Amino acid sequence: MAELSDRLENVLNEARMLLLGGQVLLGFTYRICFEPAFDSMARSVHLVEVTALGIMTAGLGWLITPAAYHRIAEHGCQTERVHAFTTAVLDWGLLPFCVGLGLSFYPVAIALRLPHAAIIALLVFLLSAGSWYGAGLLRPRSERQRQVRPKLSDGENEK
């Protein structure tokens, strides 16, 4: 098994990459608000877009928490708790982006006058969730169980 410092460095680097990707997705989601066709859309479409922006912003805040936890709760120390917390956050960190991405495609489909805009939004959600979470679910159960974190000894619980 890799050493704690290596595992922690990997998971924090992954958090940084996801944070950057989340910022890009949020920026693209804001883009439709500046299109001329957006003003002429129904109020319900505007509410869907605002909801998507809110969910994705909350997701971005969720992805920021591992760095803050590392610095504030653990005082910058490399502990198994930081690794476990960051892994748990990253396991669920992309879900708000899946939902927000699906919702943000609804106004796009309306603006492009595509039929069945709600179905398109649902398919985008399912595609993003399947892409981001599907690979992990396809692994054999025994392999997933091997990656469960080891129990902490009494010495590792201290800072």
N, C-alpha and C. Protein backbone atom coordinates (compact mmCIF):
# COMPACT_ATOMS: atom_id res chain seq x y z
N MET A 1 0.84 -1.18 0.00
CA MET A 1 0.00 0.00 0.00
C MET A 1 0.88 1.24 0.00
N ALA A 2 0.48 2.25 -0.71
CA ALA A 2 1.27 3.48 -0.80
C ALA A 2 1.33 4.17 0.55
N GLU A 3 2.37 4.94 0.73
CA GLU A 3 2.55 5.66 1.97
C GLU A 3 1.51 6.77 2.08
N LEU A 4 1.18 7.16 3.31
CA LEU A 4 0.14 8.15 3.55
C LEU A 4 0.43 9.46 2.83
N SER A 5 1.66 9.92 2.85
CA SER A 5 1.98 11.20 2.21
C SER A 5 1.72 11.14 0.70
N ASP A 6 2.04 10.01 0.07
CA ASP A 6 1.78 9.86 -1.37
C ASP A 6 0.28 9.81 -1.66
N ARG A 7 -0.45 9.04 -0.85
CA ARG A 7 -1.90 8.94 -1.05
C ARG A 7 -2.58 10.29 -0.83
N LEU A 8 -2.12 11.02 0.19
CA LEU A 8 -2.70 12.33 0.48
C LEU A 8 -2.39 13.32 -0.63
N GLU A 9 -1.17 13.30 -1.13
CA GLU A 9 -0.80 14.18 -2.23
C GLU A 9 -1.65 13.88 -3.47
N ASN A 10 -1.86 12.61 -3.77
CA ASN A 10 -2.68 12.23 -4.92
C ASN A 10 -4.12 12.70 -4.77
N VAL A 11 -4.71 12.49 -3.61
CA VAL A 11 -6.12 12.86 -3.44
C VAL A 11 -6.29 14.38 -3.43
N LEU A 12 -5.35 15.11 -2.86
CA LEU A 12 -5.45 16.58 -2.88
C LEU A 12 -5.22 17.13 -4.29
N ASN A 13 -4.32 16.51 -5.06
CA ASN A 13 -4.14 16.91 -6.45
C ASN A 13 -5.40 16.64 -7.27
N GLU A 14 -6.05 15.52 -6.99
CA GLU A 14 -7.30 15.21 -7.68
C GLU A 14 -8.37 16.24 -7.32
N ALA A 15 -8.41 16.64 -6.06
CA ALA A 15 -9.36 17.67 -5.64
C ALA A 15 -9.10 18.99 -6.37
N ARG A 16 -7.85 19.34 -6.56
CA ARG A 16 -7.51 20.57 -7.29
C ARG A 16 -7.95 20.50 -8.74
N MET A 17 -7.76 19.34 -9.36
CA MET A 17 -8.17 19.18 -10.76
C MET A 17 -9.69 19.26 -10.90
N LEU A 18 -10.41 18.62 -9.97
CA LEU A 18 -11.86 18.68 -10.02
C LEU A 18 -12.37 20.09 -9.76
N LEU A 19 -11.68 20.82 -8.91
CA LEU A 19 -12.05 22.20 -8.65
C LEU A 19 -11.91 23.05 -9.91
N LEU A 20 -10.83 22.86 -10.62
CA LEU A 20 -10.63 23.59 -11.88
C LEU A 20 -11.70 23.20 -12.89
N GLY A 21 -11.98 21.91 -13.02
CA GLY A 21 -13.03 21.46 -13.94
C GLY A 21 -14.39 22.02 -13.54
N GLY A 22 -14.67 22.07 -12.25
CA GLY A 22 -15.92 22.64 -11.77
C GLY A 22 -16.05 24.12 -12.11
N GLN A 23 -14.95 24.85 -12.01
CA GLN A 23 -14.97 26.27 -12.37
C GLN A 23 -15.26 26.45 -13.86
N VAL A 24 -14.69 25.60 -14.68
CA VAL A 24 -14.94 25.67 -16.12
C VAL A 24 -16.40 25.37 -16.43
N LEU A 25 -16.96 24.31 -15.82
CA LEU A 25 -18.36 23.98 -16.03
C LEU A 25 -19.28 25.10 -15.56
N LEU A 26 -18.96 25.69 -14.43
CA LEU A 26 -19.77 26.81 -13.93
C LEU A 26 -19.69 28.00 -14.87
N GLY A 27 -18.52 28.27 -15.40
CA GLY A 27 -18.36 29.37 -16.36
C GLY A 27 -19.17 29.15 -17.63
N PHE A 28 -19.17 27.92 -18.13
CA PHE A 28 -19.98 27.62 -19.31
C PHE A 28 -21.47 27.74 -19.01
N THR A 29 -21.85 27.39 -17.80
CA THR A 29 -23.26 27.49 -17.42
C THR A 29 -23.70 28.95 -17.36
N TYR A 30 -22.82 29.82 -16.91
CA TYR A 30 -23.15 31.26 -16.89
C TYR A 30 -23.28 31.82 -18.30
N ARG A 31 -22.64 31.22 -19.24
CA ARG A 31 -22.58 31.76 -20.61
C ARG A 31 -23.95 31.96 -21.24
N ILE A 32 -24.87 31.05 -21.02
CA ILE A 32 -26.18 31.17 -21.66
C ILE A 32 -26.94 32.41 -21.19
N CYS A 33 -26.67 32.86 -19.98
CA CYS A 33 -27.36 34.04 -19.46
C CYS A 33 -27.04 35.30 -20.27
N PHE A 34 -25.95 35.29 -21.00
CA PHE A 34 -25.55 36.46 -21.78
C PHE A 34 -25.95 36.37 -23.24
N GLU A 35 -26.65 35.32 -23.60
CA GLU A 35 -27.13 35.18 -24.98
C GLU A 35 -28.38 36.03 -25.18
N PRO A 36 -28.53 36.66 -26.36
CA PRO A 36 -29.72 37.48 -26.60
C PRO A 36 -31.03 36.69 -26.51
N ALA A 37 -31.02 35.43 -26.89
CA ALA A 37 -32.25 34.63 -26.86
C ALA A 37 -32.69 34.33 -25.43
N PHE A 38 -31.79 34.43 -24.47
CA PHE A 38 -32.14 34.10 -23.09
C PHE A 38 -33.19 35.06 -22.53
N ASP A 39 -33.12 36.33 -22.91
CA ASP A 39 -34.09 37.31 -22.41
C ASP A 39 -35.51 37.00 -22.85
N SER A 40 -35.67 36.43 -24.01
CA SER A 40 -37.01 36.16 -24.54
C SER A 40 -37.58 34.83 -24.08
N MET A 41 -36.83 34.08 -23.31
CA MET A 41 -37.32 32.78 -22.83
C MET A 41 -38.29 32.97 -21.67
N ALA A 42 -39.07 31.94 -21.40
CA ALA A 42 -40.06 31.98 -20.32
C ALA A 42 -39.37 32.07 -18.96
N ARG A 43 -40.11 32.59 -18.00
CA ARG A 43 -39.58 32.73 -16.64
C ARG A 43 -39.19 31.37 -16.05
N SER A 44 -39.93 30.34 -16.37
CA SER A 44 -39.60 29.01 -15.85
C SER A 44 -38.24 28.53 -16.34
N VAL A 45 -37.87 28.90 -17.56
CA VAL A 45 -36.56 28.54 -18.09
C VAL A 45 -35.47 29.29 -17.32
N HIS A 46 -35.74 30.55 -16.99
CA HIS A 46 -34.79 31.33 -16.19
C HIS A 46 -34.61 30.70 -14.82
N LEU A 47 -35.69 30.24 -14.21
CA LEU A 47 -35.60 29.61 -12.89
C LEU A 47 -34.81 28.30 -12.95
N VAL A 48 -34.97 27.55 -14.02
CA VAL A 48 -34.19 26.32 -14.18
C VAL A 48 -32.70 26.67 -14.26
N GLU A 49 -32.36 27.71 -15.01
CA GLU A 49 -30.96 28.11 -15.15
C GLU A 49 -30.38 28.61 -13.82
N VAL A 50 -31.16 29.39 -13.09
CA VAL A 50 -30.70 29.87 -11.78
C VAL A 50 -30.52 28.69 -10.82
N THR A 51 -31.42 27.73 -10.87
CA THR A 51 -31.29 26.53 -10.04
C THR A 51 -30.02 25.77 -10.40
N ALA A 52 -29.76 25.62 -11.69
CA ALA A 52 -28.54 24.93 -12.13
C ALA A 52 -27.29 25.66 -11.63
N LEU A 53 -27.31 26.99 -11.73
CA LEU A 53 -26.17 27.78 -11.26
C LEU A 53 -25.98 27.63 -9.75
N GLY A 54 -27.08 27.62 -9.01
CA GLY A 54 -26.99 27.46 -7.55
C GLY A 54 -26.44 26.10 -7.16
N ILE A 55 -26.92 25.07 -7.82
CA ILE A 55 -26.45 23.71 -7.51
C ILE A 55 -24.97 23.56 -7.85
N MET A 56 -24.56 24.09 -8.99
CA MET A 56 -23.15 23.97 -9.38
C MET A 56 -22.24 24.81 -8.49
N THR A 57 -22.74 25.97 -8.04
CA THR A 57 -21.96 26.78 -7.12
C THR A 57 -21.79 26.07 -5.78
N ALA A 58 -22.87 25.43 -5.31
CA ALA A 58 -22.77 24.64 -4.08
C ALA A 58 -21.79 23.48 -4.27
N GLY A 59 -21.81 22.86 -5.44
CA GLY A 59 -20.86 21.78 -5.73
C GLY A 59 -19.42 22.27 -5.72
N LEU A 60 -19.22 23.48 -6.22
CA LEU A 60 -17.88 24.07 -6.20
C LEU A 60 -17.43 24.31 -4.77
N GLY A 61 -18.35 24.80 -3.94
CA GLY A 61 -18.03 24.98 -2.52
C GLY A 61 -17.70 23.67 -1.84
N TRP A 62 -18.40 22.61 -2.24
CA TRP A 62 -18.14 21.28 -1.69
C TRP A 62 -16.72 20.83 -2.03
N LEU A 63 -16.27 21.13 -3.27
CA LEU A 63 -14.93 20.71 -3.68
C LEU A 63 -13.82 21.52 -3.02
N ILE A 64 -14.16 22.66 -2.46
CA ILE A 64 -13.17 23.51 -1.78
C ILE A 64 -12.90 22.99 -0.37
N THR A 65 -13.85 22.27 0.22
CA THR A 65 -13.74 21.88 1.62
C THR A 65 -12.52 21.01 1.98
N PRO A 66 -12.02 20.11 1.12
CA PRO A 66 -10.86 19.32 1.57
C PRO A 66 -9.63 20.16 1.92
N ALA A 67 -9.35 21.18 1.12
CA ALA A 67 -8.18 22.02 1.41
C ALA A 67 -8.38 22.77 2.73
N ALA A 68 -9.59 23.28 2.94
CA ALA A 68 -9.86 23.99 4.20
C ALA A 68 -9.79 23.04 5.39
N TYR A 69 -10.33 21.85 5.24
CA TYR A 69 -10.28 20.85 6.32
C TYR A 69 -8.83 20.51 6.65
N HIS A 70 -8.02 20.33 5.63
CA HIS A 70 -6.61 20.00 5.83
C HIS A 70 -5.90 21.09 6.62
N ARG A 71 -6.18 22.34 6.27
CA ARG A 71 -5.49 23.46 6.94
C ARG A 71 -6.08 23.79 8.30
N ILE A 72 -7.40 23.79 8.41
CA ILE A 72 -8.05 24.25 9.64
C ILE A 72 -8.17 23.13 10.67
N ALA A 73 -8.77 22.03 10.30
CA ALA A 73 -9.04 20.96 11.27
C ALA A 73 -7.79 20.18 11.64
N GLU A 74 -6.91 19.96 10.67
CA GLU A 74 -5.72 19.15 10.93
C GLU A 74 -4.43 19.98 10.99
N HIS A 75 -4.57 21.30 10.93
CA HIS A 75 -3.44 22.22 11.04
C HIS A 75 -2.33 21.92 10.03
N GLY A 76 -2.72 21.45 8.84
CA GLY A 76 -1.77 21.16 7.77
C GLY A 76 -1.03 19.85 7.92
N CYS A 77 -1.36 19.06 8.95
CA CYS A 77 -0.70 17.77 9.16
C CYS A 77 -1.27 16.72 8.22
N GLN A 78 -0.42 15.79 7.85
CA GLN A 78 -0.85 14.70 6.99
C GLN A 78 -1.38 13.57 7.87
N THR A 79 -2.69 13.43 7.87
CA THR A 79 -3.31 12.39 8.70
C THR A 79 -4.22 11.52 7.84
N GLU A 80 -4.52 10.37 8.37
CA GLU A 80 -5.44 9.46 7.68
C GLU A 80 -6.83 10.07 7.60
N ARG A 81 -7.18 10.90 8.60
CA ARG A 81 -8.50 11.54 8.58
C ARG A 81 -8.64 12.51 7.41
N VAL A 82 -7.58 13.23 7.07
CA VAL A 82 -7.63 14.14 5.92
C VAL A 82 -7.84 13.33 4.65
N HIS A 83 -7.13 12.22 4.52
CA HIS A 83 -7.28 11.37 3.34
C HIS A 83 -8.69 10.81 3.25
N ALA A 84 -9.22 10.30 4.35
CA ALA A 84 -10.56 9.73 4.35
C ALA A 84 -11.62 10.80 4.06
N PHE A 85 -11.47 11.98 4.66
CA PHE A 85 -12.43 13.07 4.43
C PHE A 85 -12.40 13.51 2.97
N THR A 86 -11.22 13.72 2.43
CA THR A 86 -11.09 14.17 1.05
C THR A 86 -11.63 13.14 0.08
N THR A 87 -11.35 11.87 0.34
CA THR A 87 -11.87 10.81 -0.52
C THR A 87 -13.39 10.79 -0.50
N ALA A 88 -13.98 10.94 0.69
CA ALA A 88 -15.44 10.95 0.80
C ALA A 88 -16.04 12.15 0.07
N VAL A 89 -15.42 13.31 0.19
CA VAL A 89 -15.91 14.51 -0.50
C VAL A 89 -15.83 14.32 -2.01
N LEU A 90 -14.73 13.79 -2.48
CA LEU A 90 -14.57 13.61 -3.93
C LEU A 90 -15.48 12.52 -4.48
N ASP A 91 -15.82 11.54 -3.64
CA ASP A 91 -16.75 10.51 -4.09
C ASP A 91 -18.09 11.11 -4.49
N TRP A 92 -18.53 12.11 -3.77
CA TRP A 92 -19.84 12.73 -4.03
C TRP A 92 -19.72 14.11 -4.66
N GLY A 93 -18.53 14.62 -4.85
CA GLY A 93 -18.33 16.00 -5.31
C GLY A 93 -18.81 16.30 -6.71
N LEU A 94 -18.89 15.31 -7.57
CA LEU A 94 -19.32 15.56 -8.94
C LEU A 94 -20.83 15.45 -9.13
N LEU A 95 -21.53 14.92 -8.15
CA LEU A 95 -22.97 14.76 -8.29
C LEU A 95 -23.70 16.09 -8.51
N PRO A 96 -23.38 17.16 -7.78
CA PRO A 96 -24.04 18.44 -8.07
C PRO A 96 -23.76 18.94 -9.49
N PHE A 97 -22.60 18.62 -10.02
CA PHE A 97 -22.30 19.03 -11.39
C PHE A 97 -23.10 18.22 -12.41
N CYS A 98 -23.35 16.95 -12.10
CA CYS A 98 -24.21 16.14 -12.97
C CYS A 98 -25.61 16.74 -13.03
N VAL A 99 -26.15 17.07 -11.86
CA VAL A 99 -27.50 17.66 -11.79
C VAL A 99 -27.51 19.03 -12.46
N GLY A 100 -26.54 19.86 -12.13
CA GLY A 100 -26.49 21.21 -12.71
C GLY A 100 -26.29 21.19 -14.22
N LEU A 101 -25.48 20.27 -14.69
CA LEU A 101 -25.24 20.16 -16.13
C LEU A 101 -26.51 19.74 -16.85
N GLY A 102 -27.22 18.77 -16.27
CA GLY A 102 -28.49 18.36 -16.86
C GLY A 102 -29.48 19.50 -16.89
N LEU A 103 -29.61 20.22 -15.78
CA LEU A 103 -30.54 21.35 -15.74
C LEU A 103 -30.13 22.47 -16.70
N SER A 104 -28.85 22.71 -16.85
CA SER A 104 -28.41 23.81 -17.71
C SER A 104 -28.59 23.49 -19.19
N PHE A 105 -28.75 22.23 -19.54
CA PHE A 105 -29.01 21.89 -20.93
C PHE A 105 -30.46 22.13 -21.32
N TYR A 106 -31.35 22.25 -20.35
CA TYR A 106 -32.74 22.53 -20.65
C TYR A 106 -32.90 23.88 -21.36
N PRO A 107 -32.36 24.99 -20.82
CA PRO A 107 -32.46 26.27 -21.54
C PRO A 107 -31.74 26.25 -22.89
N VAL A 108 -30.65 25.50 -22.98
CA VAL A 108 -29.94 25.40 -24.26
C VAL A 108 -30.84 24.73 -25.30
N ALA A 109 -31.48 23.66 -24.91
CA ALA A 109 -32.38 22.96 -25.84
C ALA A 109 -33.56 23.85 -26.22
N ILE A 110 -34.06 24.63 -25.27
CA ILE A 110 -35.15 25.57 -25.57
C ILE A 110 -34.67 26.64 -26.54
N ALA A 111 -33.49 27.20 -26.30
CA ALA A 111 -32.96 28.25 -27.16
C ALA A 111 -32.71 27.74 -28.58
N LEU A 112 -32.29 26.50 -28.70
CA LEU A 112 -32.04 25.91 -30.01
C LEU A 112 -33.31 25.34 -30.64
N ARG A 113 -34.42 25.47 -29.93
CA ARG A 113 -35.73 24.97 -30.39
C ARG A 113 -35.70 23.46 -30.70
N LEU A 114 -35.01 22.73 -29.85
CA LEU A 114 -34.95 21.28 -30.00
C LEU A 114 -36.20 20.67 -29.37
N PRO A 115 -36.75 19.63 -29.98
CA PRO A 115 -37.92 18.99 -29.36
C PRO A 115 -37.52 18.21 -28.12
N HIS A 116 -38.43 18.11 -27.18
CA HIS A 116 -38.24 17.30 -25.97
C HIS A 116 -37.04 17.79 -25.14
N ALA A 117 -37.05 19.06 -24.80
CA ALA A 117 -35.94 19.65 -24.05
C ALA A 117 -35.73 18.98 -22.70
N ALA A 118 -36.80 18.60 -22.03
CA ALA A 118 -36.67 17.96 -20.72
C ALA A 118 -36.00 16.59 -20.85
N ILE A 119 -36.32 15.87 -21.91
CA ILE A 119 -35.70 14.56 -22.11
C ILE A 119 -34.21 14.73 -22.42
N ILE A 120 -33.88 15.74 -23.19
CA ILE A 120 -32.46 16.02 -23.49
C ILE A 120 -31.71 16.33 -22.20
N ALA A 121 -32.31 17.16 -21.33
CA ALA A 121 -31.68 17.49 -20.06
C ALA A 121 -31.48 16.24 -19.20
N LEU A 122 -32.48 15.37 -19.17
CA LEU A 122 -32.37 14.13 -18.41
C LEU A 122 -31.27 13.23 -18.97
N LEU A 123 -31.18 13.14 -20.28
CA LEU A 123 -30.14 12.33 -20.91
C LEU A 123 -28.74 12.88 -20.62
N VAL A 124 -28.59 14.20 -20.60
CA VAL A 124 -27.30 14.80 -20.27
C VAL A 124 -26.93 14.46 -18.83
N PHE A 125 -27.90 14.54 -17.93
CA PHE A 125 -27.65 14.16 -16.54
C PHE A 125 -27.20 12.70 -16.45
N LEU A 126 -27.95 11.81 -17.10
CA LEU A 126 -27.62 10.38 -17.05
C LEU A 126 -26.27 10.08 -17.69
N LEU A 127 -25.95 10.76 -18.78
CA LEU A 127 -24.66 10.55 -19.44
C LEU A 127 -23.52 11.02 -18.55
N SER A 128 -23.66 12.20 -17.94
CA SER A 128 -22.58 12.68 -17.08
C SER A 128 -22.44 11.82 -15.83
N ALA A 129 -23.55 11.44 -15.22
CA ALA A 129 -23.48 10.58 -14.03
C ALA A 129 -22.90 9.21 -14.39
N GLY A 130 -23.31 8.67 -15.52
CA GLY A 130 -22.77 7.39 -15.95
C GLY A 130 -21.29 7.46 -16.27
N SER A 131 -20.88 8.56 -16.87
CA SER A 131 -19.46 8.72 -17.21
C SER A 131 -18.59 8.88 -15.97
N TRP A 132 -19.07 9.67 -15.01
CA TRP A 132 -18.26 9.96 -13.83
C TRP A 132 -18.32 8.88 -12.77
N TYR A 133 -19.46 8.23 -12.64
CA TYR A 133 -19.62 7.23 -11.59
C TYR A 133 -19.68 5.81 -12.11
N GLY A 134 -19.99 5.62 -13.36
CA GLY A 134 -20.19 4.29 -13.91
C GLY A 134 -18.95 3.42 -13.87
N ALA A 135 -17.79 3.98 -14.16
CA ALA A 135 -16.56 3.17 -14.18
C ALA A 135 -16.27 2.56 -12.82
N GLY A 136 -16.51 3.32 -11.77
CA GLY A 136 -16.28 2.80 -10.42
C GLY A 136 -17.24 1.69 -10.06
N LEU A 137 -18.46 1.78 -10.57
CA LEU A 137 -19.45 0.75 -10.27
C LEU A 137 -19.23 -0.52 -11.09
N LEU A 138 -18.53 -0.39 -12.20
CA LEU A 138 -18.28 -1.55 -13.06
C LEU A 138 -17.15 -2.43 -12.55
N ARG A 139 -16.32 -1.89 -11.64
CA ARG A 139 -15.23 -2.70 -11.08
C ARG A 139 -15.81 -3.83 -10.25
N PRO A 140 -15.12 -4.94 -10.21
CA PRO A 140 -15.60 -6.04 -9.37
C PRO A 140 -15.71 -5.62 -7.91
N ARG A 141 -16.69 -6.17 -7.23
CA ARG A 141 -16.95 -5.79 -5.84
C ARG A 141 -15.72 -6.05 -4.95
N SER A 142 -15.01 -7.12 -5.20
CA SER A 142 -13.85 -7.45 -4.37
C SER A 142 -12.77 -6.37 -4.49
N GLU A 143 -12.61 -5.82 -5.69
CA GLU A 143 -11.62 -4.75 -5.88
C GLU A 143 -12.03 -3.47 -5.16
N ARG A 144 -13.32 -3.16 -5.18
CA ARG A 144 -13.82 -1.97 -4.48
C ARG A 144 -13.64 -2.12 -2.98
N GLN A 145 -13.86 -3.32 -2.45
CA GLN A 145 -13.74 -3.54 -1.01
C GLN A 145 -12.30 -3.47 -0.55
N ARG A 146 -11.35 -3.79 -1.42
CA ARG A 146 -9.94 -3.71 -1.05
C ARG A 146 -9.50 -2.28 -0.83
N GLN A 147 -10.20 -1.34 -1.42
CA GLN A 147 -9.80 0.06 -1.31
C GLN A 147 -10.39 0.75 -0.09
N VAL A 148 -11.09 0.01 0.77
CA VAL A 148 -11.60 0.58 2.01
C VAL A 148 -10.41 0.94 2.87
N ARG A 149 -10.46 2.10 3.49
CA ARG A 149 -9.31 2.56 4.26
C ARG A 149 -9.08 1.68 5.48
N PRO A 150 -7.82 1.51 5.84
CA PRO A 150 -7.52 0.69 7.02
C PRO A 150 -7.92 1.39 8.31
N LYS A 151 -8.15 0.61 9.36
CA LYS A 151 -8.47 1.21 10.66
C LYS A 151 -7.24 1.92 11.20
N LEU A 152 -7.50 3.03 11.89
CA LEU A 152 -6.41 3.80 12.47
C LEU A 152 -5.94 3.16 13.76
N SER A 153 -4.64 3.14 13.93
CA SER A 153 -4.12 2.69 15.22
C SER A 153 -4.17 3.88 16.17
N ASP A 154 -3.98 3.64 17.45
CA ASP A 154 -4.05 4.73 18.42
C ASP A 154 -3.04 5.81 18.16
N GLY A 155 -1.87 5.46 17.67
CA GLY A 155 -0.83 6.46 17.40
C GLY A 155 -1.17 7.37 16.25
N GLU A 156 -1.97 6.88 15.28
CA GLU A 156 -2.32 7.70 14.12
C GLU A 156 -3.46 8.65 14.42
N ASN A 157 -4.21 8.45 15.49
CA ASN A 157 -5.30 9.33 15.83
C ASN A 157 -4.78 10.65 16.39
N GLU A 158 -3.56 10.65 16.87
CA GLU A 158 -2.97 11.86 17.40
C GLU A 158 -2.36 12.67 16.27
N LYS A 159 -2.21 13.96 16.50
CA LYS A 159 -1.64 14.84 15.47
C LYS A 159 -0.15 14.82 15.51
